[in-house]
Structures are given as C-alpha cells and as structure tokens.
C-alpha cells in the first residue's frame, strides 16, 4: 500500500470520526503544547476537566482563536482550568459569560520555587568555586520538603543555608508556602485559606526579598483563580500526560507536517483506546 493511499484512508477516517468542532461540557481544562506543524509551533488542547477526555485541539494558542472557538462551542462552559497565561484568561473572559477560571496548582506553585532558585543563583555568585558548583548540583535539597530529605541531603541543606542569611530566609518562605498549600488542600474554609494566604504575603513583604515579592505580585494578580483551585479542586495535571503521549505519537511518526493529521492521531488514539484498539 502506497503512502498516498494510507494518507487518503486516514483522511477518510478523520472526516468520518471527527467533527470540525465539539460542543463543550460545563467544566473544561486547556493547555498548550509544542506541535511544530504547518499551523504553527504551538497548539492548544481542550479536555473535559472531569473525565479527562481530550475533546479538541486548536491550531494555535492565539487569543482570538481561543475566543472564537469558545463563543461558537462553549455556551455550556462555566468552569475553565488553565495555567497562568494572561492571554488565555483574557480570551476566556471575553468569550464566556462570567466564567469561573481555576488556576492550576502546579503552575502557580512554580513561581515560589522560581523565586527560591533566583535567590540561590544570586547568593552563590559570592561563594568559593567549589561550593558554587556543589550547591548548583545539590540544589534539589532546597526544593524538597524538609521532612523528606535524607540525612546526607540535610547536611548539605544546613551547610548552604548557613552560608547565606538571604538564602535561609528564602528557604523559610518556601517552607511556609508549602505548609499553607498542604493545609489549604484539606480545609473547606475558603475565607480562612485567603486569610492565611494574606499572612504569607505579609511574611514575604517583611523579608524584602525582591524575587519573592515579584512572585506574590503574580499571586495577587491571579488570587481569585488561585482560590478557585481549592473551591473546585480541579487541576490540568492530567493534560501533561496527554501532552507527553502526543510527543510519543509525534516521535514515532518522525513528526507531522499537517496539523490536521497530528490532531487526528491524538484524538483518535484516545477514542480507540477507550474500546481497546491500538491506533498504529
């Protein structure tokens, strides 16, 4: 069978099985991924936030593309889970009537860890070359929860925190954030979660560490969406799994030139998986 015949048959399956748009459910999750097709470098995947089923893939992540699609197919949508992309947020707000936007926990937590890493990179510039290289190699001891560190890692942690008061304060802030996050996950009192978050803001402001002050400014800009993550409990972490599967599909095919073929392979793979058929 020639390649042309295979492509023609695949196109026939796409036309038969996939619609050019899907009426979206009440709760959806969106995320971008790097597709590198004729439609552009990045595409946007839309999934059911409850069942985790991929529903559709948009050819790009541009604001107008998202807005137009949601206006056409999102009349039932009232909750959208996303990372902290301001263009996504603006598109959703313009397209839908008073949507509830939920910020993904992994994505907003990253800002705290990025702040800690920025402090580490700044302070270690003043250290001896050996400690500078060793701290970079062992930086995971700063990011892990203290109670999960092994004895050897605790030794390194204490050594580097003892070498810089600023790094020690940054680490204390990271631990305070983790404590707040763990507590917030298991409580149902959103007002109290907000109170404790404001206490964390105050602790950061009193530290006067620029990297952390910048991080909490982002938190303040997304505060409603962050608090919604505890009210609704949704995450788009499952989309990372779909995106990873998409990468495997692309790698096995040595890349896809046409966006429609890549989109079709991803969506059909999920559909056929549900009935126990592998799409080669």
Protein backbone atom coordinates (compact mmCIF):
# COMPACT_ATOMS: atom_id res chain seq x y z
CA UNK A 1 0.00 0.00 0.00
CA UNK A 2 1.42 3.36 -1.01
CA UNK A 3 1.90 6.27 1.38
CA UNK A 4 -0.62 8.28 -0.64
CA UNK A 5 -3.26 5.57 -0.16
CA UNK A 6 -2.60 5.41 3.58
CA UNK A 7 -2.94 9.18 3.92
CA UNK A 8 -6.14 9.16 1.85
CA UNK A 9 -7.65 6.43 4.02
CA UNK A 10 -6.60 8.23 7.20
CA UNK A 11 -8.20 11.44 5.93
CA UNK A 12 -11.37 9.45 5.28
CA UNK A 13 -11.38 8.19 8.88
CA UNK A 14 -10.83 11.73 10.16
CA UNK A 15 -13.77 13.05 8.18
CA UNK A 16 -15.95 10.22 9.44
CA UNK A 17 -14.94 10.21 13.11
CA UNK A 18 -14.02 13.80 13.96
CA UNK A 19 -16.25 16.85 13.75
CA UNK A 20 -14.92 20.31 12.96
CA UNK A 21 -15.74 21.47 16.46
CA UNK A 22 -17.18 19.96 19.63
CA UNK A 23 -19.92 21.24 21.91
CA UNK A 24 -18.01 21.63 25.15
CA UNK A 25 -19.14 20.39 28.60
CA UNK A 26 -19.59 22.58 31.67
CA UNK A 27 -16.07 22.08 33.02
CA UNK A 28 -13.05 22.12 30.72
CA UNK A 29 -9.27 22.32 31.00
CA UNK A 30 -6.97 23.93 28.45
CA UNK A 31 -3.24 23.77 27.90
CA UNK A 32 -0.72 24.47 25.18
CA UNK A 33 1.76 22.03 23.69
CA UNK A 34 4.53 22.22 21.10
CA UNK A 35 3.28 20.56 17.92
CA UNK A 36 5.50 22.12 15.23
CA UNK A 37 3.05 21.67 12.36
CA UNK A 38 2.07 23.73 9.34
CA UNK A 39 -0.42 25.54 11.61
CA UNK A 40 2.34 26.86 13.88
CA UNK A 41 4.72 25.94 16.66
CA UNK A 42 2.18 25.71 19.49
CA UNK A 43 -1.33 24.30 19.61
CA UNK A 44 -4.00 24.33 22.32
CA UNK A 45 -5.68 21.20 23.65
CA UNK A 46 -9.13 21.30 25.25
CA UNK A 47 -10.22 18.48 27.56
CA UNK A 48 -13.06 17.55 29.86
CA UNK A 49 -11.90 18.58 33.35
CA UNK A 50 -13.98 15.82 34.99
CA UNK A 51 -13.45 12.80 32.71
CA UNK A 52 -10.01 13.93 31.44
CA UNK A 53 -11.05 13.12 27.88
CA UNK A 54 -9.35 15.24 25.18
CA UNK A 55 -12.12 16.97 23.23
CA UNK A 56 -10.47 19.10 20.57
CA UNK A 57 -7.20 20.72 19.55
CA UNK A 58 -6.95 24.27 18.23
CA UNK A 59 -4.36 25.06 15.52
CA UNK A 60 -2.71 27.77 17.62
CA UNK A 61 -2.84 29.37 21.06
CA UNK A 62 -3.71 32.88 19.89
CA UNK A 63 -6.25 34.83 21.90
CA UNK A 64 -8.70 35.33 19.03
CA UNK A 65 -8.60 31.64 18.07
CA UNK A 66 -9.49 30.61 21.62
CA UNK A 67 -12.13 33.32 21.97
CA UNK A 68 -13.85 32.46 18.66
CA UNK A 69 -13.93 28.73 19.43
CA UNK A 70 -15.38 29.23 22.90
CA UNK A 71 -18.02 31.60 21.57
CA UNK A 72 -19.05 29.01 18.99
CA UNK A 73 -18.89 25.82 21.04
CA UNK A 74 -18.69 26.88 24.70
CA UNK A 75 -22.21 28.02 25.53
CA UNK A 76 -22.43 25.42 28.34
CA UNK A 77 -18.98 26.09 29.79
CA UNK A 78 -18.84 27.72 33.22
CA UNK A 79 -15.50 26.45 34.63
CA UNK A 80 -12.14 26.63 32.83
CA UNK A 81 -8.92 25.21 34.29
CA UNK A 82 -5.71 26.71 32.91
CA UNK A 83 -2.14 27.68 33.57
CA UNK A 84 -1.39 31.32 34.34
CA UNK A 85 -1.34 32.63 30.80
CA UNK A 86 -2.87 36.13 30.70
CA UNK A 87 -3.90 35.73 27.04
CA UNK A 88 -5.86 32.57 27.86
CA UNK A 89 -7.52 34.35 30.76
CA UNK A 90 -8.50 37.34 28.65
CA UNK A 91 -9.84 35.14 25.83
CA UNK A 92 -11.98 33.09 28.22
CA UNK A 93 -13.40 36.17 29.93
CA UNK A 94 -14.30 37.77 26.61
CA UNK A 95 -15.86 34.63 25.16
CA UNK A 96 -17.89 33.34 28.09
CA UNK A 97 -20.48 34.84 30.40
CA UNK A 98 -18.98 35.17 33.90
CA UNK A 99 -16.76 32.07 33.72
CA UNK A 100 -15.08 30.57 36.77
CA UNK A 101 -11.36 30.35 35.98
CA UNK A 102 -9.31 27.88 38.01
CA UNK A 103 -5.53 28.30 38.14
CA UNK A 104 -3.59 25.04 38.08
CA UNK A 105 -1.76 24.46 41.39
CA UNK A 106 1.43 23.22 39.80
CA UNK A 107 1.74 26.36 37.69
CA UNK A 108 1.22 28.89 40.48
CA UNK A 109 3.46 26.95 42.88
CA UNK A 110 6.28 27.20 40.35
CA UNK A 111 6.57 30.93 41.00
CA UNK A 112 7.64 30.24 44.58
CA UNK A 113 10.26 27.72 43.50
CA UNK A 114 11.48 30.03 40.75
CA UNK A 115 11.91 32.77 43.36
CA UNK A 116 13.93 30.44 45.59
CA UNK A 117 16.11 29.41 42.65
CA UNK A 118 16.71 33.05 41.71
CA UNK A 119 17.93 33.76 45.25
CA UNK A 120 20.20 30.70 45.11
CA UNK A 121 21.76 31.82 41.83
CA UNK A 122 22.40 35.32 43.15
CA UNK A 123 23.93 34.41 46.52
CA UNK A 124 26.15 31.59 45.26
CA UNK A 125 27.98 34.01 42.98
CA UNK A 126 29.79 35.23 46.10
CA UNK A 127 30.90 31.75 47.14
CA UNK A 128 34.06 29.78 46.50
CA UNK A 129 34.01 27.93 43.16
CA UNK A 130 33.70 24.52 44.85
CA UNK A 131 30.65 25.49 46.92
CA UNK A 132 29.13 27.30 43.97
CA UNK A 133 29.29 24.22 41.76
CA UNK A 134 28.29 21.86 44.55
CA UNK A 135 25.26 23.94 45.52
CA UNK A 136 24.11 24.03 41.91
CA UNK A 137 24.48 20.25 41.70
CA UNK A 138 22.67 19.72 45.02
CA UNK A 139 20.01 22.41 44.57
CA UNK A 140 17.28 19.79 44.84
CA UNK A 141 17.81 19.82 48.63
CA UNK A 142 16.36 23.33 48.66
CA UNK A 143 13.25 22.33 46.72
CA UNK A 144 12.34 19.11 48.51
CA UNK A 145 10.16 19.23 51.61
CA UNK A 146 12.47 19.22 54.63
CA UNK A 147 10.84 16.16 56.18
CA UNK A 148 11.52 14.16 53.00
CA UNK A 149 15.27 14.80 52.94
CA UNK A 150 17.74 12.04 53.71
CA UNK A 151 20.44 12.62 56.33
CA UNK A 152 23.11 13.41 53.72
CA UNK A 153 20.83 15.90 51.99
CA UNK A 154 20.04 17.56 55.32
CA UNK A 155 23.77 18.08 55.83
CA UNK A 156 24.06 19.90 52.50
CA UNK A 157 20.92 21.91 53.21
CA UNK A 158 22.21 23.11 56.58
CA UNK A 159 25.61 23.91 55.09
CA UNK A 160 24.26 26.15 52.32
CA UNK A 161 21.62 27.82 54.44
CA UNK A 162 24.36 28.58 56.96
CA UNK A 163 26.38 30.33 54.26
CA UNK A 164 23.70 32.91 53.43
CA UNK A 165 21.06 34.59 55.60
CA UNK A 166 19.16 35.61 52.47
CA UNK A 167 19.07 32.05 51.14
CA UNK A 168 17.98 30.82 54.55
CA UNK A 169 15.14 33.36 54.65
CA UNK A 170 14.12 32.39 51.10
CA UNK A 171 14.04 28.75 52.13
CA UNK A 172 11.89 29.58 55.17
CA UNK A 173 9.45 31.36 52.85
CA UNK A 174 9.31 28.34 50.55
CA UNK A 175 8.58 26.06 53.51
CA UNK A 176 5.91 28.49 54.76
CA UNK A 177 4.26 28.39 51.35
CA UNK A 178 4.32 24.57 51.29
CA UNK A 179 2.78 24.48 54.76
CA UNK A 180 0.00 26.82 53.63
CA UNK A 181 -0.61 24.78 50.46
CA UNK A 182 -0.78 21.45 52.31
CA UNK A 183 -3.20 22.92 54.83
CA UNK A 184 -5.33 24.62 52.16
CA UNK A 185 -5.79 21.33 50.30
CA UNK A 186 -7.52 19.69 53.25
CA UNK A 187 -9.68 22.52 54.56
CA UNK A 188 -13.03 23.63 53.19
CA UNK A 189 -12.92 27.16 54.59
CA UNK A 190 -12.04 29.40 51.63
CA UNK A 191 -12.17 32.54 53.78
CA UNK A 192 -9.59 31.10 56.15
CA UNK A 193 -7.43 29.97 53.20
CA UNK A 194 -7.47 33.56 51.99
CA UNK A 195 -6.57 34.88 55.46
CA UNK A 196 -3.59 32.52 55.69
CA UNK A 197 -2.51 33.47 52.17
CA UNK A 198 -2.52 37.13 53.18
CA UNK A 199 -0.36 36.21 56.17
CA UNK A 200 2.10 34.60 53.76
CA UNK A 201 2.09 37.79 51.66
CA UNK A 202 2.97 39.79 54.77
CA UNK A 203 5.78 37.40 55.64
CA UNK A 204 7.21 37.80 52.13
CA UNK A 205 6.93 41.59 52.22
CA UNK A 206 8.72 41.72 55.58
CA UNK A 207 11.56 39.63 54.15
CA UNK A 208 12.11 42.27 51.47
CA UNK A 209 13.47 39.65 49.04
CA UNK A 210 12.76 41.01 45.51
CA UNK A 211 12.30 37.60 43.86
CA UNK A 212 9.60 36.59 46.34
CA UNK A 213 7.90 39.99 46.27
CA UNK A 214 7.66 39.61 42.50
CA UNK A 215 6.22 36.10 42.94
CA UNK A 216 3.46 37.19 45.31
CA UNK A 217 2.57 40.04 42.97
CA UNK A 218 1.74 37.35 40.42
CA UNK A 219 -0.28 35.57 43.11
CA UNK A 220 -2.21 38.77 43.79
CA UNK A 221 -2.94 39.19 40.08
CA UNK A 222 -4.34 35.65 39.97
CA UNK A 223 -5.70 35.48 43.51
CA UNK A 224 -9.32 34.74 42.60
CA UNK A 225 -8.26 31.97 40.22
CA UNK A 226 -5.85 30.52 42.81
CA UNK A 227 -8.55 30.42 45.48
CA UNK A 228 -10.89 28.79 42.95
CA UNK A 229 -8.45 25.88 42.75
CA UNK A 230 -9.41 24.99 46.32
CA UNK A 231 -13.12 25.60 45.82
CA UNK A 232 -13.33 23.33 42.78
CA UNK A 233 -10.36 21.01 43.25
CA UNK A 234 -9.59 20.78 39.53
CA UNK A 235 -6.12 20.53 38.04
CA UNK A 236 -4.86 20.29 34.48
CA UNK A 237 -2.03 17.98 35.50
CA UNK A 238 -3.67 15.18 33.50
CA UNK A 239 -3.12 17.27 30.37
CA UNK A 240 0.62 16.85 30.87
CA UNK A 241 0.01 13.13 30.43
CA UNK A 242 -1.89 13.74 27.19
CA UNK A 243 0.84 16.10 26.00
CA UNK A 244 3.51 13.50 26.78
CA UNK A 245 1.56 10.92 24.79
CA UNK A 246 1.34 13.45 21.94
CA UNK A 247 5.12 13.76 21.95
CA UNK A 248 5.46 9.98 21.65
CA UNK A 249 3.00 9.97 18.73
CA UNK A 250 4.99 12.71 17.00
CA UNK A 251 8.30 10.98 17.64
CA UNK A 252 7.04 7.64 16.32
CA UNK A 253 5.82 9.35 13.16
CA UNK A 254 9.06 11.35 12.78
CA UNK A 255 6.96 14.49 13.06
CA UNK A 256 3.75 15.67 11.43
CA UNK A 257 3.74 18.31 8.73
CA UNK A 258 -0.05 18.72 8.64
CA UNK A 259 -1.78 19.90 11.79
CA UNK A 260 -4.99 18.03 10.95
CA UNK A 261 -3.13 14.71 10.79
CA UNK A 262 -1.41 15.30 14.14
CA UNK A 263 -4.66 16.43 15.74
CA UNK A 264 -6.50 13.44 14.32
CA UNK A 265 -3.92 10.93 15.53
CA UNK A 266 -4.07 12.31 19.09
CA UNK A 267 -7.87 12.43 19.31
CA UNK A 268 -8.46 9.11 17.55
CA UNK A 269 -5.83 7.38 19.68
CA UNK A 270 -7.85 8.34 22.73
CA UNK A 271 -11.16 7.30 21.18
CA UNK A 272 -9.89 3.88 20.11
CA UNK A 273 -8.11 3.37 23.43
CA UNK A 274 -11.49 3.52 25.15
CA UNK A 275 -12.63 0.45 23.18
CA UNK A 276 -9.32 -1.38 23.44
CA UNK A 277 -7.97 -0.77 19.94
CA UNK A 278 -4.42 0.48 19.33
CA UNK A 279 -4.11 3.02 16.54
CA UNK A 280 -0.74 2.37 14.92
